[in-house]
Amino acid sequence: MTNQQQWMRDVLSLARLSFETGVKSMDTFHEQIEKALQMTMDLTAVPEEARKGVAGWLDNMKKGRKVYTDAVDEGLKKLEETLT
């Protein structure tokens, strides 16, 4: 392995670590939002239609995060295969 290949592996490793750290922060933020919304709805008279809307929105956020993280992960894997 050349120095350039090792350098590229190190850079990609750093990119992956940075991405994973960001995703963990995003997951924590999402969990906090979900708990705050649930607590707010439990303490107030929120119509069932609004509860369903919030539940749908939260589900869509989870699905969107999954699509995003899968796409970035796949892109990083392809980049690693191409560059190293």
C-alpha atoms as a PDB file:
ATOM      1  CA  MET A   1       0.000   0.000   0.000  1.00  0.00           C
ATOM      2  CA  THR A   2       1.359   3.372  -0.964  1.00  0.00           C
ATOM      3  CA  ASN A   3       1.434   6.428   1.260  1.00  0.00           C
ATOM      4  CA  GLN A   4      -1.258   8.022  -0.880  1.00  0.00           C
ATOM      5  CA  GLN A   5      -3.565   5.006  -0.461  1.00  0.00           C
ATOM      6  CA  GLN A   6      -3.019   5.029   3.288  1.00  0.00           C
ATOM      7  CA  TRP A   7      -3.709   8.753   3.394  1.00  0.00           C
ATOM      8  CA  MET A   8      -6.983   8.223   1.469  1.00  0.00           C
ATOM      9  CA  ARG A   9      -8.008   5.454   3.876  1.00  0.00           C
ATOM     10  CA  ASP A  10      -7.316   7.737   6.813  1.00  0.00           C
ATOM     11  CA  VAL A  11      -9.318  10.584   5.278  1.00  0.00           C
ATOM     12  CA  LEU A  12     -12.259   8.285   4.520  1.00  0.00           C
ATOM     13  CA  SER A  13     -12.076   6.838   8.030  1.00  0.00           C
ATOM     14  CA  LEU A  14     -12.246  10.355   9.438  1.00  0.00           C
ATOM     15  CA  ALA A  15     -15.194  11.178   7.157  1.00  0.00           C
ATOM     16  CA  ARG A  16     -17.038   8.045   8.292  1.00  0.00           C
ATOM     17  CA  LEU A  17     -16.360   8.814  11.965  1.00  0.00           C
ATOM     18  CA  SER A  18     -17.560  12.384  11.516  1.00  0.00           C
ATOM     19  CA  PHE A  19     -20.713  11.204   9.760  1.00  0.00           C
ATOM     20  CA  GLU A  20     -21.478   8.601  12.437  1.00  0.00           C
ATOM     21  CA  THR A  21     -21.026  11.207  15.173  1.00  0.00           C
ATOM     22  CA  GLY A  22     -23.419  13.531  13.384  1.00  0.00           C
ATOM     23  CA  VAL A  23     -25.996  10.759  12.979  1.00  0.00           C
ATOM     24  CA  LYS A  24     -25.806   9.935  16.690  1.00  0.00           C
ATOM     25  CA  SER A  25     -26.444  13.598  17.496  1.00  0.00           C
ATOM     26  CA  MET A  26     -29.357  13.652  15.062  1.00  0.00           C
ATOM     27  CA  ASP A  27     -30.806  10.497  16.686  1.00  0.00           C
ATOM     28  CA  THR A  28     -30.537  12.028  20.150  1.00  0.00           C
ATOM     29  CA  PHE A  29     -32.222  15.225  18.947  1.00  0.00           C
ATOM     30  CA  HIS A  30     -35.036  13.204  17.370  1.00  0.00           C
ATOM     31  CA  GLU A  31     -35.594  11.234  20.583  1.00  0.00           C
ATOM     32  CA  GLN A  32     -35.799  14.485  22.565  1.00  0.00           C
ATOM     33  CA  ILE A  33     -38.321  15.938  20.118  1.00  0.00           C
ATOM     34  CA  GLU A  34     -40.415  12.787  20.278  1.00  0.00           C
ATOM     35  CA  LYS A  35     -40.455  12.768  24.096  1.00  0.00           C
ATOM     36  CA  ALA A  36     -41.275  16.479  24.295  1.00  0.00           C
ATOM     37  CA  LEU A  37     -44.133  16.149  21.828  1.00  0.00           C
ATOM     38  CA  GLN A  38     -45.509  13.090  23.610  1.00  0.00           C
ATOM     39  CA  MET A  39     -45.349  14.815  26.991  1.00  0.00           C
ATOM     40  CA  THR A  40     -47.016  17.927  25.596  1.00  0.00           C
ATOM     41  CA  MET A  41     -49.817  15.909  24.024  1.00  0.00           C
ATOM     42  CA  ASP A  42     -50.307  13.907  27.233  1.00  0.00           C
ATOM     43  CA  LEU A  43     -50.662  17.098  29.304  1.00  0.00           C
ATOM     44  CA  THR A  44     -53.014  18.924  26.946  1.00  0.00           C
ATOM     45  CA  ALA A  45     -56.281  18.169  25.214  1.00  0.00           C
ATOM     46  CA  VAL A  46     -54.934  17.356  21.750  1.00  0.00           C
ATOM     47  CA  PRO A  47     -57.457  15.967  19.259  1.00  0.00           C
ATOM     48  CA  GLU A  48     -56.862  12.410  18.078  1.00  0.00           C
ATOM     49  CA  GLU A  49     -56.415  13.655  14.511  1.00  0.00           C
ATOM     50  CA  ALA A  50     -53.503  15.848  15.637  1.00  0.00           C
ATOM     51  CA  ARG A  51     -51.948  12.928  17.533  1.00  0.00           C
ATOM     52  CA  LYS A  52     -52.119  10.797  14.391  1.00  0.00           C
ATOM     53  CA  GLY A  53     -50.561  13.627  12.384  1.00  0.00           C
ATOM     54  CA  VAL A  54     -47.669  13.963  14.812  1.00  0.00           C
ATOM     55  CA  ALA A  55     -47.154  10.191  14.874  1.00  0.00           C
ATOM     56  CA  GLY A  56     -47.068  10.150  11.060  1.00  0.00           C
ATOM     57  CA  TRP A  57     -44.620  13.041  10.965  1.00  0.00           C
ATOM     58  CA  LEU A  58     -42.315  11.321  13.468  1.00  0.00           C
ATOM     59  CA  ASP A  59     -42.490   8.087  11.475  1.00  0.00           C
ATOM     60  CA  ASN A  60     -41.612   9.970   8.279  1.00  0.00           C
ATOM     61  CA  MET A  61     -38.638  11.565  10.043  1.00  0.00           C
ATOM     62  CA  LYS A  62     -37.355   8.125  11.075  1.00  0.00           C
ATOM     63  CA  LYS A  63     -37.769   6.782   7.548  1.00  0.00           C
ATOM     64  CA  GLY A  64     -36.038   9.843   6.088  1.00  0.00           C
ATOM     65  CA  ARG A  65     -33.092   9.486   8.445  1.00  0.00           C
ATOM     66  CA  LYS A  66     -32.760   5.820   7.489  1.00  0.00           C
ATOM     67  CA  VAL A  67     -32.761   6.617   3.762  1.00  0.00           C
ATOM     68  CA  TYR A  68     -30.229   9.404   4.311  1.00  0.00           C
ATOM     69  CA  THR A  69     -27.841   7.354   6.443  1.00  0.00           C
ATOM     70  CA  ASP A  70     -28.057   4.370   4.097  1.00  0.00           C
ATOM     71  CA  ALA A  71     -27.301   6.571   1.074  1.00  0.00           C
ATOM     72  CA  VAL A  72     -24.298   8.224   2.708  1.00  0.00           C
ATOM     73  CA  ASP A  73     -22.996   4.887   3.981  1.00  0.00           C
ATOM     74  CA  GLU A  74     -23.315   3.340   0.525  1.00  0.00           C
ATOM     75  CA  GLY A  75     -21.585   6.349  -1.016  1.00  0.00           C
ATOM     76  CA  LEU A  76     -18.683   6.099   1.414  1.00  0.00           C
ATOM     77  CA  LYS A  77     -18.310   2.381   0.716  1.00  0.00           C
ATOM     78  CA  LYS A  78     -18.222   2.989  -3.038  1.00  0.00           C
ATOM     79  CA  LEU A  79     -15.734   5.807  -2.594  1.00  0.00           C
ATOM     80  CA  GLU A  80     -13.507   3.567  -0.472  1.00  0.00           C
ATOM     81  CA  GLU A  81     -13.644   0.837  -3.112  1.00  0.00           C
ATOM     82  CA  THR A  82     -12.790   3.307  -5.869  1.00  0.00           C
ATOM     83  CA  LEU A  83      -9.986   5.150  -4.114  1.00  0.00           C
ATOM     84  CA  THR A  84      -8.231   2.356  -2.261  1.00  0.00           C
END
